[in-house]
């Protein structure tokens, strides 16, 4: 069943055998049971067009589970499905991610005629929605022992939040906060480069008014000429 609402798409389709709905949270009443636990895999920002899975774990014997999205201060059921593993939980697979699916999600379960309280909200953050920034380093070229270094993350868009990553984004830990941020650039300062800071760096960015829509990943630096840290 599809519940259309103003400004929303009425999906009216089945995803992996699960009924996908839009709206329909108003019938969830008597939320008296303990809240379930919601988690997301992968947890780092998902790529536009990729797939993620929300896992909702509730009470054994629950009849059904709902994945719910928060939008403009209201809650909307996205997927409703019967409980798996004897009612212990449910897995919600979101495939071919679109920008409109980014945002905060929660889940609830139904047991008898009662519903659980809402789970904690787990955001779905999607990258590659905005144009990728460009990362460069100064001074350019090879780096000597204990040399001061600046990373510059530049965007053609007026963004105000920038992250610099050391290594893969899957680590999900921004390496350092910017020293200075303007509408189109963030500067990251290293007083001296040490051996454990060897490797590749990249950056991404977003605007604080919509923290769920990220840029794509920047180019990686240093370029083919690796950092030279002999003697460090």
Protein backbone atom coordinates (compact mmCIF):
# COMPACT_ATOMS: atom_id res chain seq x y z
CA UNK A 1 0.00 0.00 0.00
CA UNK A 2 1.30 3.47 -0.84
CA UNK A 3 0.39 6.54 1.20
CA UNK A 4 0.94 9.64 -0.98
CA UNK A 5 1.59 13.01 0.61
CA UNK A 6 2.22 16.48 -0.82
CA UNK A 7 5.64 16.89 -2.40
CA UNK A 8 6.49 13.17 -2.15
CA UNK A 9 6.72 10.32 -4.60
CA UNK A 10 4.24 7.50 -4.20
CA UNK A 11 6.53 4.53 -4.62
CA UNK A 12 3.99 1.71 -4.72
CA UNK A 13 6.58 -1.00 -5.35
CA UNK A 14 8.15 -4.02 -3.71
CA UNK A 15 11.82 -4.11 -2.75
CA UNK A 16 13.24 -7.60 -2.22
CA UNK A 17 9.72 -8.78 -1.41
CA UNK A 18 9.15 -6.00 1.13
CA UNK A 19 6.29 -3.58 0.80
CA UNK A 20 7.61 -0.05 0.33
CA UNK A 21 5.26 2.66 1.54
CA UNK A 22 5.36 6.42 1.92
CA UNK A 23 3.62 7.84 4.97
CA UNK A 24 1.30 5.86 7.20
CA UNK A 25 2.84 6.37 10.65
CA UNK A 26 -0.34 7.79 12.15
CA UNK A 27 -1.69 4.30 12.93
CA UNK A 28 1.26 3.61 15.26
CA UNK A 29 -0.25 4.11 18.70
CA UNK A 30 0.37 2.91 22.26
CA UNK A 31 4.16 3.03 21.99
CA UNK A 32 4.79 1.44 25.38
CA UNK A 33 7.35 -1.29 24.70
CA UNK A 34 11.14 -0.83 25.02
CA UNK A 35 12.76 0.71 21.93
CA UNK A 36 14.61 -1.46 19.40
CA UNK A 37 18.21 -0.93 18.34
CA UNK A 38 18.86 0.39 14.83
CA UNK A 39 22.18 0.16 12.99
CA UNK A 40 23.35 0.89 9.45
CA UNK A 41 25.81 -0.94 7.20
CA UNK A 42 27.98 0.43 5.80
CA UNK A 43 28.24 3.17 8.40
CA UNK A 44 30.44 5.58 6.42
CA UNK A 45 28.83 7.95 3.88
CA UNK A 46 27.18 5.84 1.17
CA UNK A 47 27.80 6.52 -2.49
CA UNK A 48 24.93 7.80 -4.63
CA UNK A 49 23.38 4.80 -6.42
CA UNK A 50 24.82 2.26 -3.97
CA UNK A 51 23.02 0.10 -1.39
CA UNK A 52 22.79 0.13 2.40
CA UNK A 53 21.07 -2.06 4.98
CA UNK A 54 19.33 -0.95 8.17
CA UNK A 55 19.15 -3.64 10.87
CA UNK A 56 16.43 -3.23 13.50
CA UNK A 57 16.61 -5.56 16.52
CA UNK A 58 13.61 -5.68 18.83
CA UNK A 59 11.71 -8.20 20.95
CA UNK A 60 11.47 -11.91 20.15
CA UNK A 61 8.00 -12.75 18.81
CA UNK A 62 7.27 -9.34 17.30
CA UNK A 63 4.90 -9.47 14.33
CA UNK A 64 6.20 -6.60 12.26
CA UNK A 65 8.84 -3.90 11.97
CA UNK A 66 8.83 -0.48 10.35
CA UNK A 67 11.64 1.64 9.03
CA UNK A 68 10.60 5.24 9.54
CA UNK A 69 12.05 8.45 8.13
CA UNK A 70 11.97 11.83 9.80
CA UNK A 71 11.07 14.59 7.37
CA UNK A 72 10.26 18.19 8.21
CA UNK A 73 9.51 17.31 11.80
CA UNK A 74 7.15 14.45 10.90
CA UNK A 75 7.59 10.69 10.76
CA UNK A 76 6.82 8.63 7.66
CA UNK A 77 6.87 4.86 7.30
CA UNK A 78 9.24 3.84 4.51
CA UNK A 79 9.14 0.04 4.72
CA UNK A 80 6.94 -2.30 6.75
CA UNK A 81 7.79 -6.00 6.97
CA UNK A 82 7.17 -9.10 9.06
CA UNK A 83 9.75 -9.90 11.71
CA UNK A 84 12.64 -12.26 10.91
CA UNK A 85 14.38 -14.80 13.14
CA UNK A 86 11.24 -15.53 15.15
CA UNK A 87 10.31 -11.88 15.23
CA UNK A 88 13.62 -10.82 16.76
CA UNK A 89 14.41 -8.23 14.11
CA UNK A 90 14.27 -7.04 10.51
CA UNK A 91 16.65 -6.04 7.74
CA UNK A 92 15.71 -3.16 5.47
CA UNK A 93 17.67 -3.02 2.22
CA UNK A 94 17.76 0.32 0.42
CA UNK A 95 19.15 -0.04 -3.09
CA UNK A 96 20.08 2.41 -5.85
CA UNK A 97 20.22 5.27 -3.36
CA UNK A 98 18.90 8.65 -4.49
CA UNK A 99 19.54 12.05 -2.94
CA UNK A 100 15.95 12.19 -1.67
CA UNK A 101 16.58 9.17 0.58
CA UNK A 102 19.23 10.90 2.68
CA UNK A 103 18.17 11.90 6.17
CA UNK A 104 17.43 10.51 9.63
CA UNK A 105 15.77 7.12 10.12
CA UNK A 106 14.40 5.20 13.09
CA UNK A 107 12.50 1.95 13.54
CA UNK A 108 9.70 0.49 15.66
CA UNK A 109 8.29 -3.00 16.17
CA UNK A 110 4.77 -4.27 16.78
CA UNK A 111 4.06 -6.87 19.46
CA UNK A 112 0.43 -7.86 19.94
CA UNK A 113 -1.53 -4.64 19.84
CA UNK A 114 1.31 -2.57 21.23
CA UNK A 115 4.18 -0.77 19.54
CA UNK A 116 7.66 -0.06 20.78
CA UNK A 117 9.03 3.35 21.51
CA UNK A 118 11.10 4.81 18.69
CA UNK A 119 14.67 3.63 18.28
CA UNK A 120 17.51 6.11 18.25
CA UNK A 121 17.76 7.96 14.94
CA UNK A 122 20.49 6.78 12.58
CA UNK A 123 21.27 9.13 9.66
CA UNK A 124 21.74 8.01 6.08
CA UNK A 125 24.46 10.24 4.64
CA UNK A 126 24.98 10.08 0.88
CA UNK A 127 28.04 11.34 -0.97
CA UNK A 128 28.52 12.17 -4.68
CA UNK A 129 25.43 14.38 -4.57
CA UNK A 130 27.49 17.57 -4.79
CA UNK A 131 30.49 18.30 -7.00
CA UNK A 132 33.78 16.91 -5.67
CA UNK A 133 36.27 19.38 -4.18
CA UNK A 134 39.91 19.69 -5.25
CA UNK A 135 42.70 18.95 -2.77
CA UNK A 136 46.21 20.34 -3.06
CA UNK A 137 49.17 20.78 -0.77
CA UNK A 138 51.69 23.57 -0.18
CA UNK A 139 54.57 23.70 -0.50
CA UNK A 140 54.27 21.40 -3.54
CA UNK A 141 56.57 18.51 -4.33
CA UNK A 142 58.39 16.20 -1.97
CA UNK A 143 58.40 16.84 1.75
CA UNK A 144 61.47 16.74 3.90
CA UNK A 145 61.78 15.69 7.54
CA UNK A 146 59.64 17.72 9.97
CA UNK A 147 58.51 20.16 7.30
CA UNK A 148 55.43 22.34 7.80
CA UNK A 149 52.61 21.47 5.40
CA UNK A 150 49.23 22.95 4.41
CA UNK A 151 46.40 21.00 2.78
CA UNK A 152 43.87 23.10 0.83
CA UNK A 153 40.42 21.67 0.06
CA UNK A 154 38.71 23.87 -2.55
CA UNK A 155 35.13 23.77 -3.80
CA UNK A 156 33.30 25.71 -6.50
CA UNK A 157 30.24 25.56 -4.21
CA UNK A 158 29.67 27.79 -1.13
CA UNK A 159 30.16 25.02 1.46
CA UNK A 160 31.05 25.49 5.13
CA UNK A 161 32.00 22.02 6.42
CA UNK A 162 35.14 20.24 5.25
CA UNK A 163 36.77 16.96 6.28
CA UNK A 164 40.30 15.80 5.56
CA UNK A 165 40.80 12.03 5.56
CA UNK A 166 44.09 10.22 6.00
CA UNK A 167 43.66 6.97 4.11
CA UNK A 168 40.31 5.42 3.20
CA UNK A 169 37.01 7.12 3.95
CA UNK A 170 35.79 3.79 5.37
CA UNK A 171 37.74 4.59 8.53
CA UNK A 172 34.99 7.18 9.14
CA UNK A 173 37.31 9.38 11.21
CA UNK A 174 38.18 12.84 9.91
CA UNK A 175 41.89 13.18 10.44
CA UNK A 176 42.07 16.82 11.46
CA UNK A 177 39.79 19.83 11.83
CA UNK A 178 40.37 22.74 9.44
CA UNK A 179 42.60 25.57 10.57
CA UNK A 180 40.58 28.08 8.55
CA UNK A 181 37.38 27.80 6.50
CA UNK A 182 35.89 30.19 3.96
CA UNK A 183 32.96 29.78 1.57
CA UNK A 184 35.04 27.85 -0.96
CA UNK A 185 38.09 26.55 0.88
CA UNK A 186 39.32 24.89 4.05
CA UNK A 187 42.97 24.86 5.13
CA UNK A 188 44.44 22.04 7.20
CA UNK A 189 47.74 22.72 8.91
CA UNK A 190 50.46 20.28 9.91
CA UNK A 191 53.28 21.82 11.94
CA UNK A 192 55.48 18.93 10.95
CA UNK A 193 54.93 15.71 9.04
CA UNK A 194 55.97 12.54 10.88
CA UNK A 195 56.31 8.96 9.71
CA UNK A 196 52.86 7.82 10.92
CA UNK A 197 51.33 10.54 8.74
CA UNK A 198 52.65 9.02 5.53
CA UNK A 199 50.13 8.04 2.90
CA UNK A 200 47.36 9.48 0.80
CA UNK A 201 44.92 12.18 1.79
CA UNK A 202 41.54 13.20 0.40
CA UNK A 203 38.75 15.54 1.43
CA UNK A 204 35.01 16.02 1.08
CA UNK A 205 32.58 18.73 2.10
CA UNK A 206 28.95 19.67 2.69
CA UNK A 207 26.84 22.59 3.85
CA UNK A 208 25.60 22.65 7.44
CA UNK A 209 22.00 23.34 6.36
CA UNK A 210 21.93 19.81 4.87
CA UNK A 211 24.54 17.56 6.53
CA UNK A 212 23.17 14.47 4.74
CA UNK A 213 24.18 15.56 1.21
CA UNK A 214 27.93 15.35 0.70
CA UNK A 215 30.27 16.05 -2.16
CA UNK A 216 32.11 13.29 -3.92
CA UNK A 217 35.63 12.45 -2.80
CA UNK A 218 38.40 14.77 -3.88
CA UNK A 219 41.51 13.73 -5.74
CA UNK A 220 44.16 12.02 -3.61
CA UNK A 221 47.40 13.69 -2.55
CA UNK A 222 50.34 13.37 -2.43
CA UNK A 223 50.64 12.59 -6.16
CA UNK A 224 52.88 9.90 -7.62
CA UNK A 225 55.91 11.39 -5.91
CA UNK A 226 55.47 10.09 -2.35
CA UNK A 227 56.37 12.06 0.75
CA UNK A 228 60.09 11.66 1.50
CA UNK A 229 60.52 11.19 5.22
CA UNK A 230 63.84 9.44 5.47
CA UNK A 231 65.44 9.98 8.81
CA UNK A 232 62.18 10.77 10.63
